[in-house]
Amino acid sequence: MQKIEIFPITGIGEIRPGDDVAAEMVKNFDFRNNDIAVVTQKVVSKAEGRIVQVGEDDEDAYERAVLSEAKRILRQRGTLLITETHHGLICANAGVDRSNNQSGEITLLPVDPDRSAQWIRQRVKGLIGIEIAVIVSDTFGRAWRNGVTDVAIGSAGLDVIVNLKGTKDAGGRTLVATEVCIADEIAAAADLVKKKATSIPVAVVRGVDSSWITEGKRASEIIRSPDQDLFR
């Protein structure tokens, strides 16, 4: 039976613009080939300088940042905006975040989360010669369900969606519509050890099907196109 293990990477300190997230990862963890590193979007954004200085509790500055990051607003309830970002992501307040930041700072999503994941992946290989996959994760709400969960907003080296169409279920019936977003499943599983207030920005998932570790797949492929979206 397949066994999957999830390891938090401890020892990574406060990340600031220009810091090398991949170097911090390999300094604090013994990677193996086919490991999947799930990196919290917040540290990626900080390392890439996606930080905006605002006054403490400056709601106007926060709102301006949200509007600048939003391609369009889909829904609004009070100060909560459900937006489509320039990446095509549907999320609250365009992913602009106050939490786990220094006083007076907010963070924006990476400009290209897939590219960020690829850079970390290549950097790890360059440092230690190990082939890993990388997911950049963020916390999203979900239509029709309470509570939030982590999802993949960036990916490199991973087959983000496994298409089971044409395969058989346990009863021998042919599956005709099943596609599994394993990138989101892995991101959510990793969050069980990262949690929200533990200062653990990276977790490693080990033991997934090695056939899922592949080149050329991006988390942007997960986003449903507007012509197939019944709710946008």
Protein backbone atom coordinates (compact mmCIF):
# COMPACT_ATOMS: atom_id res chain seq x y z
CA MET A 1 0.00 0.00 0.00
CA GLN A 2 1.29 3.44 -0.91
CA LYS A 3 2.43 5.55 2.04
CA ILE A 4 2.53 9.32 1.86
CA GLU A 5 4.48 11.37 4.40
CA ILE A 6 4.30 15.11 5.09
CA PHE A 7 7.20 16.95 6.73
CA PRO A 8 7.24 20.55 7.93
CA ILE A 9 10.47 22.46 7.21
CA THR A 10 11.40 24.27 10.39
CA GLY A 11 14.19 26.78 10.84
CA ILE A 12 13.30 29.13 7.99
CA GLY A 13 13.37 32.63 9.41
CA GLU A 14 11.59 35.80 8.34
CA ILE A 15 11.84 36.17 4.57
CA ARG A 16 12.52 39.63 3.15
CA PRO A 17 12.88 40.94 -0.42
CA GLY A 18 15.82 39.35 -2.21
CA ASP A 19 16.12 36.37 0.14
CA ASP A 20 16.77 32.94 -1.42
CA VAL A 21 13.81 30.76 -0.41
CA ALA A 22 15.27 27.66 -2.10
CA ALA A 23 18.56 28.03 -0.24
CA GLU A 24 16.69 28.29 3.04
CA MET A 25 14.76 25.15 2.16
CA VAL A 26 17.79 22.99 1.38
CA LYS A 27 19.63 24.31 4.43
CA ASN A 28 16.86 23.07 6.69
CA PHE A 29 15.70 19.84 5.02
CA ASP A 30 17.20 16.70 3.47
CA PHE A 31 15.39 16.45 0.13
CA ARG A 32 15.01 13.31 -1.95
CA ASN A 33 14.18 12.92 -5.62
CA ASN A 34 10.44 13.22 -6.34
CA ASP A 35 9.69 15.12 -3.13
CA ILE A 36 7.07 17.83 -3.55
CA ALA A 37 7.80 21.10 -1.74
CA VAL A 38 4.67 23.12 -0.94
CA VAL A 39 5.73 26.71 -0.41
CA THR A 40 3.35 29.25 1.11
CA GLN A 41 2.63 32.10 -1.26
CA LYS A 42 3.45 34.63 1.44
CA VAL A 43 7.17 33.85 1.56
CA VAL A 44 7.38 33.77 -2.23
CA SER A 45 5.74 37.19 -2.42
CA LYS A 46 8.04 38.59 0.24
CA ALA A 47 11.19 37.24 -1.44
CA GLU A 48 10.05 38.73 -4.75
CA GLY A 49 9.38 42.12 -3.18
CA ARG A 50 5.61 41.98 -3.60
CA ILE A 51 5.18 44.09 -0.46
CA VAL A 52 3.24 47.34 -0.20
CA GLN A 53 3.82 49.79 2.63
CA VAL A 54 0.55 51.10 4.05
CA GLY A 55 -0.33 52.85 7.27
CA GLU A 56 -1.50 50.68 10.13
CA ASP A 57 -5.23 50.08 9.66
CA ASP A 58 -5.25 52.25 6.52
CA GLU A 59 -8.34 50.84 4.85
CA ASP A 60 -8.15 53.20 1.88
CA ALA A 61 -4.62 52.08 1.01
CA TYR A 62 -5.65 48.44 1.39
CA GLU A 63 -8.64 48.95 -0.89
CA ARG A 64 -6.49 50.66 -3.51
CA ALA A 65 -4.11 47.70 -3.48
CA VAL A 66 -7.01 45.26 -3.91
CA LEU A 67 -8.44 47.22 -6.83
CA SER A 68 -5.04 47.48 -8.51
CA GLU A 69 -4.62 43.69 -8.32
CA ALA A 70 -8.15 42.87 -9.48
CA LYS A 71 -8.99 42.38 -13.13
CA ARG A 72 -12.65 42.62 -12.22
CA ILE A 73 -15.01 42.38 -9.26
CA LEU A 74 -17.48 39.50 -9.33
CA ARG A 75 -19.30 39.96 -6.02
CA GLN A 76 -19.22 42.33 -3.05
CA ARG A 77 -20.49 42.09 0.50
CA GLY A 78 -19.49 45.02 2.67
CA THR A 79 -15.69 45.33 2.46
CA LEU A 80 -15.31 41.79 1.09
CA LEU A 81 -14.71 41.64 -2.65
CA ILE A 82 -14.71 38.44 -4.68
CA THR A 83 -12.39 39.24 -7.54
CA GLU A 84 -10.76 37.82 -10.60
CA THR A 85 -7.05 38.57 -10.47
CA HIS A 86 -4.82 39.29 -13.44
CA HIS A 87 -3.74 35.63 -13.19
CA GLY A 88 -7.36 34.49 -13.65
CA LEU A 89 -7.70 33.36 -10.03
CA ILE A 90 -11.08 33.86 -8.35
CA CYS A 91 -10.48 34.81 -4.71
CA ALA A 92 -11.26 37.24 -1.93
CA ASN A 93 -9.75 40.72 -2.16
CA ALA A 94 -7.45 39.77 -5.06
CA GLY A 95 -5.22 37.80 -2.70
CA VAL A 96 -3.99 40.97 -0.95
CA ASP A 97 -3.09 39.91 2.59
CA ARG A 98 -2.41 41.61 5.90
CA SER A 99 -1.67 38.51 7.99
CA ASN A 100 1.85 37.39 8.95
CA ASN A 101 3.36 40.67 7.75
CA GLN A 102 5.35 43.33 9.51
CA SER A 103 3.40 46.30 10.85
CA GLY A 104 2.22 48.58 8.08
CA GLU A 105 2.84 46.05 5.30
CA ILE A 106 0.57 44.05 3.05
CA THR A 107 1.57 41.46 0.48
CA LEU A 108 0.37 40.90 -3.07
CA LEU A 109 0.31 37.62 -4.97
CA PRO A 110 3.40 36.77 -7.04
CA VAL A 111 3.27 38.19 -10.56
CA ASP A 112 3.61 34.68 -12.05
CA PRO A 113 3.26 31.92 -9.42
CA ASP A 114 4.12 29.17 -11.93
CA ARG A 115 7.36 30.94 -12.79
CA SER A 116 8.10 31.35 -9.08
CA ALA A 117 7.62 27.61 -8.54
CA GLN A 118 9.87 26.81 -11.49
CA TRP A 119 12.60 29.11 -10.19
CA ILE A 120 12.57 27.41 -6.77
CA ARG A 121 12.62 23.97 -8.41
CA GLN A 122 15.58 24.82 -10.63
CA ARG A 123 17.40 26.51 -7.80
CA VAL A 124 17.06 23.44 -5.55
CA LYS A 125 18.42 21.25 -8.33
CA GLY A 126 21.30 23.64 -8.86
CA LEU A 127 22.17 23.65 -5.17
CA ILE A 128 21.94 19.93 -4.36
CA GLY A 129 21.30 18.08 -7.64
CA ILE A 130 17.91 16.78 -6.48
CA GLU A 131 14.81 16.75 -8.71
CA ILE A 132 11.74 17.92 -6.82
CA ALA A 133 8.35 19.34 -7.74
CA VAL A 134 7.20 22.65 -6.27
CA ILE A 135 3.75 23.98 -5.47
CA VAL A 136 3.11 27.58 -4.46
CA SER A 137 0.02 27.48 -2.26
CA ASP A 138 -2.48 30.00 -0.96
CA THR A 139 -5.60 29.84 1.18
CA PHE A 140 -8.88 30.18 -0.70
CA GLY A 141 -12.53 29.99 0.19
CA ARG A 142 -14.85 27.86 -1.95
CA ALA A 143 -18.27 28.47 -3.42
CA TRP A 144 -20.99 26.45 -1.69
CA ARG A 145 -18.77 25.32 1.22
CA ASN A 146 -17.82 26.96 4.50
CA GLY A 147 -14.22 27.16 5.59
CA VAL A 148 -11.00 27.73 3.66
CA THR A 149 -8.36 25.36 2.36
CA ASP A 150 -4.99 25.68 0.67
CA VAL A 151 -4.86 25.34 -3.10
CA ALA A 152 -2.10 25.43 -5.70
CA ILE A 153 -1.70 28.81 -7.40
CA GLY A 154 1.70 27.92 -8.87
CA SER A 155 3.33 24.63 -9.81
CA ALA A 156 6.42 23.22 -11.48
CA GLY A 157 7.41 19.62 -12.17
CA LEU A 158 4.00 18.15 -11.32
CA ASP A 159 1.12 16.78 -13.38
CA VAL A 160 -1.39 19.09 -11.70
CA ILE A 161 -4.52 17.28 -12.93
CA VAL A 162 -4.75 13.51 -13.33
CA ASN A 163 -7.29 12.50 -15.96
CA LEU A 164 -9.01 9.25 -15.03
CA LYS A 165 -11.39 9.21 -18.00
CA GLY A 166 -11.45 5.77 -19.55
CA THR A 167 -10.07 3.99 -16.50
CA LYS A 168 -12.10 1.54 -14.40
CA ASP A 169 -13.51 2.10 -10.93
CA ALA A 170 -13.42 -0.59 -8.22
CA GLY A 171 -16.57 -2.15 -9.69
CA GLY A 172 -15.17 -2.31 -13.20
CA ARG A 173 -17.25 0.58 -14.54
CA THR A 174 -15.56 2.98 -16.98
CA LEU A 175 -15.07 6.51 -15.66
CA VAL A 176 -16.25 9.13 -18.14
CA ALA A 177 -15.73 12.47 -16.41
CA THR A 178 -13.30 12.14 -13.51
CA GLU A 179 -10.35 14.50 -13.35
CA VAL A 180 -8.49 14.79 -10.03
CA CYS A 181 -6.74 18.03 -9.14
CA ILE A 182 -3.85 16.43 -7.28
CA ALA A 183 -2.03 19.77 -6.99
CA ASP A 184 -4.83 21.14 -4.80
CA GLU A 185 -5.04 17.89 -2.83
CA ILE A 186 -1.30 18.02 -2.10
CA ALA A 187 -1.45 21.72 -1.18
CA ALA A 188 -4.28 21.08 1.28
CA ALA A 189 -2.53 18.07 2.80
CA ALA A 190 0.68 20.05 3.32
CA ASP A 191 -1.23 22.73 5.20
CA LEU A 192 -1.99 20.20 7.94
CA VAL A 193 1.61 20.56 9.13
CA LYS A 194 2.22 24.18 8.11
CA LYS A 195 -0.87 25.60 9.83
CA LYS A 196 -1.47 29.35 9.98
CA ALA A 197 0.36 30.66 13.02
CA THR A 198 3.40 28.39 13.31
CA SER A 199 5.91 30.25 11.10
CA ILE A 200 6.37 27.10 9.01
CA PRO A 201 6.19 28.33 5.40
CA VAL A 202 7.18 25.13 3.59
CA ALA A 203 6.15 21.48 3.87
CA VAL A 204 7.39 18.49 1.90
CA VAL A 205 5.07 15.76 0.66
CA ARG A 206 6.86 12.47 0.00
CA GLY A 207 5.60 9.22 -1.51
CA VAL A 208 3.18 10.37 -4.21
CA ASP A 209 2.99 8.45 -7.48
CA SER A 210 6.28 9.18 -9.25
CA SER A 211 4.47 9.25 -12.60
CA TRP A 212 2.90 12.54 -11.49
CA ILE A 213 6.32 14.20 -11.36
CA THR A 214 6.67 15.51 -14.88
CA GLU A 215 7.76 18.54 -16.86
CA GLY A 216 5.62 21.21 -18.41
CA LYS A 217 2.53 21.30 -16.18
CA ARG A 218 1.42 24.62 -14.67
CA ALA A 219 -1.12 25.48 -12.00
CA SER A 220 -2.65 27.94 -14.44
CA GLU A 221 -4.06 24.86 -16.19
CA ILE A 222 -6.32 24.32 -13.17
CA ILE A 223 -8.27 27.53 -13.76
CA ARG A 224 -11.55 26.79 -15.53
CA SER A 225 -12.04 28.90 -18.63
CA PRO A 226 -14.93 31.41 -18.47
CA ASP A 227 -16.83 29.66 -21.28
CA GLN A 228 -16.93 26.47 -19.16
CA ASP A 229 -17.64 28.21 -15.86
CA LEU A 230 -21.30 28.06 -14.82
CA PHE A 231 -20.89 30.43 -11.87
CA ARG A 232 -18.76 33.35 -13.05
